[in-house]
Amino acid sequence: MLSPCRVAALRFLKIRPRSIRELEVKLKDKGFAASEIVQAVEYCRQSRLLDDRAFTVAWVQYRLARPFGFQRIIRELKEKGVDQSIIAQAVGRAKEEFSEQEAACALARRRAGRLVGIDPVKRKKRVLDFLIRRGFPMEAAYKAIKDL
């Protein structure tokens, strides 16, 4: 029979994939003892339900499909407690296949299309702010605004 901590861990992982650190925090917030958490996390790792490398690759792909810039994706993964080397490896691989500049330009055009009837200067500022919030680098955001 599974312990209540393992059941809670499996329930959290059923909702969506999580990083190891994220799961540990969730279980701690639920009031489980540290020893129970270690056992539950180890059980999930051995069952291959918990893997930071796979989680990071999936997270990067999911966020690029939205699209978000690499700066924001990296920040989110750090907040989720993923190791820096794992993040660097996944982002490095993704950068080979994904053009931030093209994504920023397409997103800028789409966003500007929603802001019809607004003063052109204000519209450009809003689109620029939107791109920066989405994690695109300043250079990519400025170039996308220039191309509008």
N, C-alpha and C. Protein backbone atom coordinates (compact mmCIF):
# COMPACT_ATOMS: atom_id res chain seq x y z
N MET A 1 0.84 -1.19 0.00
CA MET A 1 0.00 0.00 0.00
C MET A 1 0.89 1.25 0.00
N LEU A 2 0.49 2.26 -0.77
CA LEU A 2 1.26 3.49 -0.87
C LEU A 2 1.01 4.39 0.32
N SER A 3 2.05 5.10 0.73
CA SER A 3 1.91 6.05 1.83
C SER A 3 1.12 7.26 1.34
N PRO A 4 0.51 8.00 2.25
CA PRO A 4 -0.24 9.20 1.85
C PRO A 4 0.63 10.21 1.10
N CYS A 5 1.91 10.27 1.45
CA CYS A 5 2.82 11.20 0.78
C CYS A 5 3.03 10.78 -0.68
N ARG A 6 3.21 9.48 -0.91
CA ARG A 6 3.37 8.99 -2.29
C ARG A 6 2.10 9.23 -3.10
N VAL A 7 0.97 9.01 -2.48
CA VAL A 7 -0.31 9.23 -3.17
C VAL A 7 -0.43 10.70 -3.57
N ALA A 8 -0.08 11.59 -2.65
CA ALA A 8 -0.13 13.03 -2.96
C ALA A 8 0.84 13.38 -4.08
N ALA A 9 2.04 12.80 -4.03
CA ALA A 9 3.04 13.05 -5.08
C ALA A 9 2.51 12.60 -6.43
N LEU A 10 1.94 11.41 -6.48
CA LEU A 10 1.40 10.89 -7.74
C LEU A 10 0.24 11.76 -8.24
N ARG A 11 -0.55 12.25 -7.32
CA ARG A 11 -1.67 13.12 -7.71
C ARG A 11 -1.14 14.43 -8.32
N PHE A 12 -0.10 15.00 -7.71
CA PHE A 12 0.49 16.23 -8.26
C PHE A 12 1.07 15.98 -9.65
N LEU A 13 1.71 14.84 -9.83
CA LEU A 13 2.32 14.52 -11.12
C LEU A 13 1.27 14.16 -12.18
N LYS A 14 0.11 13.74 -11.72
CA LYS A 14 -0.98 13.43 -12.66
C LYS A 14 -1.53 14.72 -13.27
N ILE A 15 -1.53 15.78 -12.49
CA ILE A 15 -2.05 17.07 -12.96
C ILE A 15 -1.18 17.60 -14.09
N ARG A 16 0.14 17.62 -13.85
CA ARG A 16 1.10 18.05 -14.86
C ARG A 16 2.49 17.63 -14.43
N PRO A 17 3.42 17.51 -15.38
CA PRO A 17 4.80 17.18 -15.00
C PRO A 17 5.39 18.29 -14.11
N ARG A 18 6.25 17.91 -13.22
CA ARG A 18 6.87 18.87 -12.31
C ARG A 18 8.36 18.57 -12.16
N SER A 19 9.08 19.60 -11.72
CA SER A 19 10.49 19.39 -11.40
C SER A 19 10.57 18.76 -10.02
N ILE A 20 11.73 18.22 -9.70
CA ILE A 20 11.93 17.58 -8.40
C ILE A 20 11.70 18.58 -7.28
N ARG A 21 12.30 19.75 -7.44
CA ARG A 21 12.16 20.79 -6.40
C ARG A 21 10.71 21.23 -6.24
N GLU A 22 10.02 21.37 -7.34
CA GLU A 22 8.61 21.77 -7.31
C GLU A 22 7.77 20.76 -6.52
N LEU A 23 8.01 19.47 -6.78
CA LEU A 23 7.27 18.42 -6.07
C LEU A 23 7.61 18.44 -4.58
N GLU A 24 8.89 18.61 -4.26
CA GLU A 24 9.28 18.67 -2.85
C GLU A 24 8.58 19.81 -2.12
N VAL A 25 8.50 20.96 -2.76
CA VAL A 25 7.84 22.13 -2.14
C VAL A 25 6.35 21.86 -1.95
N LYS A 26 5.71 21.28 -2.98
CA LYS A 26 4.28 20.98 -2.89
C LYS A 26 3.99 20.02 -1.73
N LEU A 27 4.83 18.99 -1.61
CA LEU A 27 4.63 18.02 -0.53
C LEU A 27 4.89 18.63 0.84
N LYS A 28 5.90 19.49 0.90
CA LYS A 28 6.20 20.16 2.17
C LYS A 28 5.04 21.07 2.58
N ASP A 29 4.48 21.78 1.58
CA ASP A 29 3.33 22.66 1.86
C ASP A 29 2.12 21.87 2.35
N LYS A 30 2.02 20.61 1.95
CA LYS A 30 0.92 19.74 2.39
C LYS A 30 1.14 19.22 3.81
N GLY A 31 2.34 19.47 4.36
CA GLY A 31 2.60 19.11 5.75
C GLY A 31 3.25 17.76 5.95
N PHE A 32 3.81 17.18 4.92
CA PHE A 32 4.48 15.89 5.07
C PHE A 32 5.87 16.08 5.66
N ALA A 33 6.33 15.07 6.37
CA ALA A 33 7.67 15.11 7.00
C ALA A 33 8.74 14.98 5.92
N ALA A 34 9.91 15.51 6.23
CA ALA A 34 11.02 15.50 5.27
C ALA A 34 11.39 14.09 4.85
N SER A 35 11.39 13.15 5.78
CA SER A 35 11.76 11.77 5.44
C SER A 35 10.73 11.15 4.49
N GLU A 36 9.45 11.46 4.68
CA GLU A 36 8.40 10.96 3.78
C GLU A 36 8.57 11.55 2.38
N ILE A 37 8.90 12.82 2.34
CA ILE A 37 9.08 13.51 1.05
C ILE A 37 10.24 12.89 0.28
N VAL A 38 11.35 12.64 0.96
CA VAL A 38 12.52 12.04 0.31
C VAL A 38 12.14 10.68 -0.27
N GLN A 39 11.42 9.88 0.49
CA GLN A 39 11.02 8.55 0.01
C GLN A 39 10.07 8.65 -1.18
N ALA A 40 9.11 9.57 -1.11
CA ALA A 40 8.15 9.73 -2.20
C ALA A 40 8.82 10.22 -3.48
N VAL A 41 9.73 11.16 -3.34
CA VAL A 41 10.45 11.69 -4.50
C VAL A 41 11.33 10.60 -5.10
N GLU A 42 12.01 9.84 -4.26
CA GLU A 42 12.86 8.75 -4.76
C GLU A 42 12.02 7.68 -5.46
N TYR A 43 10.87 7.38 -4.92
CA TYR A 43 9.95 6.42 -5.56
C TYR A 43 9.54 6.92 -6.95
N CYS A 44 9.21 8.20 -7.05
CA CYS A 44 8.80 8.78 -8.34
C CYS A 44 9.96 8.81 -9.33
N ARG A 45 11.16 9.07 -8.85
CA ARG A 45 12.33 9.08 -9.72
C ARG A 45 12.63 7.67 -10.24
N GLN A 46 12.57 6.68 -9.37
CA GLN A 46 12.83 5.31 -9.79
C GLN A 46 11.76 4.80 -10.75
N SER A 47 10.54 5.29 -10.59
CA SER A 47 9.44 4.91 -11.47
C SER A 47 9.45 5.71 -12.78
N ARG A 48 10.44 6.60 -12.89
CA ARG A 48 10.60 7.46 -14.07
C ARG A 48 9.42 8.40 -14.28
N LEU A 49 8.77 8.76 -13.21
CA LEU A 49 7.68 9.74 -13.27
C LEU A 49 8.21 11.14 -13.02
N LEU A 50 9.42 11.20 -12.51
CA LEU A 50 10.03 12.46 -12.12
C LEU A 50 11.45 12.50 -12.68
N ASP A 51 11.68 13.42 -13.62
CA ASP A 51 12.98 13.52 -14.28
C ASP A 51 13.16 14.98 -14.71
N ASP A 52 14.10 15.67 -14.08
CA ASP A 52 14.29 17.09 -14.39
C ASP A 52 14.69 17.33 -15.83
N ARG A 53 15.48 16.45 -16.41
CA ARG A 53 15.89 16.64 -17.82
C ARG A 53 14.68 16.56 -18.75
N ALA A 54 13.88 15.54 -18.60
CA ALA A 54 12.69 15.38 -19.44
C ALA A 54 11.71 16.53 -19.20
N PHE A 55 11.55 16.90 -17.93
CA PHE A 55 10.65 18.01 -17.59
C PHE A 55 11.11 19.30 -18.26
N THR A 56 12.41 19.57 -18.23
CA THR A 56 12.95 20.80 -18.80
C THR A 56 12.77 20.83 -20.31
N VAL A 57 13.05 19.74 -20.98
CA VAL A 57 12.87 19.69 -22.44
C VAL A 57 11.40 19.93 -22.79
N ALA A 58 10.50 19.27 -22.06
CA ALA A 58 9.07 19.43 -22.32
C ALA A 58 8.62 20.86 -22.04
N TRP A 59 9.12 21.45 -20.96
CA TRP A 59 8.73 22.83 -20.61
C TRP A 59 9.20 23.81 -21.68
N VAL A 60 10.42 23.65 -22.15
CA VAL A 60 10.96 24.54 -23.18
C VAL A 60 10.11 24.43 -24.44
N GLN A 61 9.79 23.23 -24.87
CA GLN A 61 8.98 23.05 -26.08
C GLN A 61 7.59 23.64 -25.90
N TYR A 62 6.98 23.43 -24.75
CA TYR A 62 5.66 23.96 -24.47
C TYR A 62 5.65 25.49 -24.50
N ARG A 63 6.64 26.10 -23.89
CA ARG A 63 6.68 27.57 -23.83
C ARG A 63 7.05 28.17 -25.18
N LEU A 64 7.89 27.50 -25.97
CA LEU A 64 8.23 28.03 -27.30
C LEU A 64 7.03 27.98 -28.23
N ALA A 65 6.14 27.05 -28.01
CA ALA A 65 4.94 26.94 -28.85
C ALA A 65 3.97 28.07 -28.58
N ARG A 66 4.10 28.77 -27.47
CA ARG A 66 3.15 29.81 -27.09
C ARG A 66 3.28 31.12 -27.89
N PRO A 67 4.25 31.77 -28.30
CA PRO A 67 5.68 31.61 -28.01
C PRO A 67 6.15 32.57 -26.91
N PHE A 68 7.12 32.12 -26.19
CA PHE A 68 7.81 32.92 -25.18
C PHE A 68 9.28 32.98 -25.57
N GLY A 69 9.97 34.00 -25.07
CA GLY A 69 11.40 34.13 -25.32
C GLY A 69 12.20 33.29 -24.35
N PHE A 70 13.45 33.05 -24.70
CA PHE A 70 14.30 32.20 -23.87
C PHE A 70 14.56 32.80 -22.50
N GLN A 71 14.62 34.12 -22.40
CA GLN A 71 14.88 34.74 -21.09
C GLN A 71 13.80 34.36 -20.08
N ARG A 72 12.55 34.42 -20.52
CA ARG A 72 11.44 34.09 -19.61
C ARG A 72 11.44 32.59 -19.30
N ILE A 73 11.69 31.77 -20.29
CA ILE A 73 11.70 30.32 -20.07
C ILE A 73 12.78 29.95 -19.06
N ILE A 74 13.95 30.54 -19.20
CA ILE A 74 15.05 30.27 -18.27
C ILE A 74 14.67 30.71 -16.85
N ARG A 75 14.07 31.89 -16.74
CA ARG A 75 13.66 32.39 -15.43
C ARG A 75 12.63 31.45 -14.78
N GLU A 76 11.66 30.99 -15.57
CA GLU A 76 10.64 30.09 -15.04
C GLU A 76 11.26 28.78 -14.55
N LEU A 77 12.18 28.24 -15.32
CA LEU A 77 12.81 26.97 -14.93
C LEU A 77 13.66 27.14 -13.67
N LYS A 78 14.34 28.27 -13.53
CA LYS A 78 15.11 28.53 -12.31
C LYS A 78 14.17 28.61 -11.11
N GLU A 79 13.01 29.25 -11.29
CA GLU A 79 12.02 29.36 -10.21
C GLU A 79 11.49 27.98 -9.82
N LYS A 80 11.48 27.06 -10.76
CA LYS A 80 11.00 25.71 -10.50
C LYS A 80 12.09 24.82 -9.91
N GLY A 81 13.28 25.37 -9.72
CA GLY A 81 14.36 24.66 -9.05
C GLY A 81 15.16 23.72 -9.93
N VAL A 82 15.10 23.92 -11.23
CA VAL A 82 15.86 23.07 -12.15
C VAL A 82 17.31 23.53 -12.15
N ASP A 83 18.23 22.59 -12.18
CA ASP A 83 19.66 22.87 -12.17
C ASP A 83 20.07 23.67 -13.42
N GLN A 84 20.96 24.61 -13.23
CA GLN A 84 21.41 25.51 -14.31
C GLN A 84 21.98 24.76 -15.50
N SER A 85 22.73 23.69 -15.26
CA SER A 85 23.32 22.94 -16.37
C SER A 85 22.26 22.25 -17.21
N ILE A 86 21.21 21.76 -16.58
CA ILE A 86 20.12 21.12 -17.31
C ILE A 86 19.38 22.15 -18.15
N ILE A 87 19.17 23.33 -17.58
CA ILE A 87 18.51 24.41 -18.32
C ILE A 87 19.34 24.80 -19.53
N ALA A 88 20.64 25.00 -19.32
CA ALA A 88 21.53 25.42 -20.40
C ALA A 88 21.53 24.40 -21.54
N GLN A 89 21.55 23.15 -21.20
CA GLN A 89 21.57 22.09 -22.22
C GLN A 89 20.27 22.09 -23.03
N ALA A 90 19.13 22.18 -22.36
CA ALA A 90 17.83 22.14 -23.06
C ALA A 90 17.63 23.39 -23.91
N VAL A 91 17.99 24.55 -23.37
CA VAL A 91 17.83 25.80 -24.11
C VAL A 91 18.80 25.84 -25.29
N GLY A 92 20.02 25.37 -25.09
CA GLY A 92 20.99 25.33 -26.18
C GLY A 92 20.49 24.49 -27.35
N ARG A 93 19.91 23.36 -27.04
CA ARG A 93 19.36 22.49 -28.08
C ARG A 93 18.18 23.15 -28.79
N ALA A 94 17.34 23.83 -28.03
CA ALA A 94 16.16 24.48 -28.60
C ALA A 94 16.53 25.67 -29.48
N LYS A 95 17.60 26.38 -29.11
CA LYS A 95 18.01 27.55 -29.89
C LYS A 95 18.46 27.17 -31.30
N GLU A 96 18.89 25.92 -31.48
CA GLU A 96 19.30 25.47 -32.80
C GLU A 96 18.12 25.40 -33.76
N GLU A 97 16.93 25.16 -33.22
CA GLU A 97 15.74 24.94 -34.05
C GLU A 97 14.75 26.09 -34.03
N PHE A 98 14.92 27.05 -33.13
CA PHE A 98 13.93 28.10 -32.92
C PHE A 98 14.56 29.47 -33.11
N SER A 99 13.93 30.31 -33.92
CA SER A 99 14.41 31.67 -34.12
C SER A 99 13.59 32.64 -33.27
N GLU A 100 14.23 33.19 -32.26
CA GLU A 100 13.55 34.17 -31.41
C GLU A 100 13.11 35.38 -32.21
N GLN A 101 13.94 35.80 -33.16
CA GLN A 101 13.63 36.98 -33.95
C GLN A 101 12.36 36.77 -34.78
N GLU A 102 12.27 35.65 -35.45
CA GLU A 102 11.09 35.36 -36.25
C GLU A 102 9.84 35.28 -35.38
N ALA A 103 9.96 34.64 -34.24
CA ALA A 103 8.83 34.52 -33.32
C ALA A 103 8.40 35.89 -32.80
N ALA A 104 9.38 36.74 -32.48
CA ALA A 104 9.07 38.09 -31.98
C ALA A 104 8.36 38.90 -33.06
N CYS A 105 8.80 38.80 -34.29
CA CYS A 105 8.16 39.54 -35.39
C CYS A 105 6.73 39.06 -35.61
N ALA A 106 6.53 37.77 -35.63
CA ALA A 106 5.18 37.22 -35.84
C ALA A 106 4.26 37.61 -34.69
N LEU A 107 4.76 37.54 -33.47
CA LEU A 107 3.97 37.91 -32.31
C LEU A 107 3.66 39.40 -32.30
N ALA A 108 4.62 40.22 -32.71
CA ALA A 108 4.41 41.67 -32.77
C ALA A 108 3.32 42.01 -33.79
N ARG A 109 3.38 41.37 -34.95
CA ARG A 109 2.34 41.62 -35.97
C ARG A 109 0.96 41.23 -35.45
N ARG A 110 0.90 40.07 -34.81
CA ARG A 110 -0.38 39.59 -34.28
C ARG A 110 -0.92 40.54 -33.20
N ARG A 111 -0.03 40.96 -32.30
CA ARG A 111 -0.45 41.85 -31.21
C ARG A 111 -0.85 43.22 -31.74
N ALA A 112 -0.11 43.74 -32.70
CA ALA A 112 -0.42 45.06 -33.27
C ALA A 112 -1.77 45.02 -33.99
N GLY A 113 -2.10 43.88 -34.58
CA GLY A 113 -3.39 43.73 -35.24
C GLY A 113 -4.56 43.88 -34.29
N ARG A 114 -4.36 43.55 -33.04
CA ARG A 114 -5.41 43.70 -32.03
C ARG A 114 -5.55 45.14 -31.54
N LEU A 115 -4.54 45.93 -31.79
CA LEU A 115 -4.52 47.30 -31.25
C LEU A 115 -4.83 48.35 -32.32
N VAL A 116 -5.70 48.00 -33.25
CA VAL A 116 -6.07 48.92 -34.33
C VAL A 116 -6.86 50.09 -33.72
N GLY A 117 -6.62 51.28 -34.24
CA GLY A 117 -7.34 52.46 -33.77
C GLY A 117 -6.65 53.19 -32.64
N ILE A 118 -5.51 52.69 -32.21
CA ILE A 118 -4.74 53.35 -31.14
C ILE A 118 -3.63 54.15 -31.81
N ASP A 119 -3.26 55.24 -31.17
CA ASP A 119 -2.17 56.08 -31.67
C ASP A 119 -0.96 55.18 -31.98
N PRO A 120 -0.35 55.35 -33.17
CA PRO A 120 0.76 54.47 -33.58
C PRO A 120 1.93 54.42 -32.59
N VAL A 121 2.24 55.52 -31.95
CA VAL A 121 3.33 55.53 -30.98
C VAL A 121 2.97 54.68 -29.76
N LYS A 122 1.72 54.85 -29.28
CA LYS A 122 1.27 54.06 -28.14
C LYS A 122 1.19 52.58 -28.50
N ARG A 123 0.77 52.30 -29.70
CA ARG A 123 0.64 50.91 -30.14
C ARG A 123 2.01 50.24 -30.15
N LYS A 124 3.01 50.93 -30.70
CA LYS A 124 4.35 50.36 -30.74
C LYS A 124 4.89 50.13 -29.32
N LYS A 125 4.64 51.08 -28.43
CA LYS A 125 5.08 50.95 -27.03
C LYS A 125 4.42 49.75 -26.37
N ARG A 126 3.13 49.58 -26.60
CA ARG A 126 2.42 48.44 -26.00
C ARG A 126 2.93 47.11 -26.54
N VAL A 127 3.18 47.06 -27.83
CA VAL A 127 3.69 45.83 -28.43
C VAL A 127 5.10 45.54 -27.90
N LEU A 128 5.93 46.57 -27.81
CA LEU A 128 7.28 46.40 -27.27
C LEU A 128 7.23 45.87 -25.84
N ASP A 129 6.40 46.48 -25.01
CA ASP A 129 6.27 46.03 -23.62
C ASP A 129 5.80 44.58 -23.55
N PHE A 130 4.86 44.23 -24.44
CA PHE A 130 4.34 42.86 -24.48
C PHE A 130 5.46 41.87 -24.81
N LEU A 131 6.26 42.19 -25.81
CA LEU A 131 7.35 41.30 -26.21
C LEU A 131 8.37 41.13 -25.09
N ILE A 132 8.67 42.20 -24.40
CA ILE A 132 9.65 42.14 -23.31
C ILE A 132 9.09 41.30 -22.15
N ARG A 133 7.80 41.46 -21.84
CA ARG A 133 7.18 40.63 -20.80
C ARG A 133 7.20 39.15 -21.18
N ARG A 134 7.12 38.87 -22.46
CA ARG A 134 7.15 37.49 -22.93
C ARG A 134 8.56 36.91 -22.94
N GLY A 135 9.56 37.70 -22.60
CA GLY A 135 10.91 37.18 -22.44
C GLY A 135 11.79 37.29 -23.67
N PHE A 136 11.40 38.12 -24.64
CA PHE A 136 12.25 38.30 -25.81
C PHE A 136 13.33 39.33 -25.50
N PRO A 137 14.52 39.17 -26.07
CA PRO A 137 15.59 40.15 -25.83
C PRO A 137 15.23 41.51 -26.41
N MET A 138 15.78 42.56 -25.85
CA MET A 138 15.50 43.93 -26.30
C MET A 138 15.77 44.10 -27.79
N GLU A 139 16.89 43.56 -28.26
CA GLU A 139 17.24 43.73 -29.68
C GLU A 139 16.17 43.11 -30.57
N ALA A 140 15.70 41.92 -30.22
CA ALA A 140 14.68 41.24 -31.01
C ALA A 140 13.36 42.02 -30.96
N ALA A 141 13.03 42.55 -29.79
CA ALA A 141 11.80 43.32 -29.65
C ALA A 141 11.86 44.61 -30.45
N TYR A 142 12.98 45.32 -30.39
CA TYR A 142 13.12 46.57 -31.16
C TYR A 142 13.07 46.30 -32.66
N LYS A 143 13.72 45.25 -33.09
CA LYS A 143 13.72 44.92 -34.51
C LYS A 143 12.29 44.55 -34.97
N ALA A 144 11.56 43.84 -34.13
CA ALA A 144 10.19 43.47 -34.47
C ALA A 144 9.30 44.69 -34.57
N ILE A 145 9.50 45.66 -33.68
CA ILE A 145 8.73 46.90 -33.71
C ILE A 145 9.08 47.70 -34.96
N LYS A 146 10.37 47.73 -35.30
CA LYS A 146 10.83 48.45 -36.49
C LYS A 146 10.21 47.86 -37.75
N ASP A 147 10.04 46.54 -37.78
CA ASP A 147 9.49 45.86 -38.94
C ASP A 147 7.98 46.01 -39.09
N LEU A 148 7.32 46.52 -38.05
CA LEU A 148 5.84 46.68 -38.13
C LEU A 148 5.43 47.65 -39.21
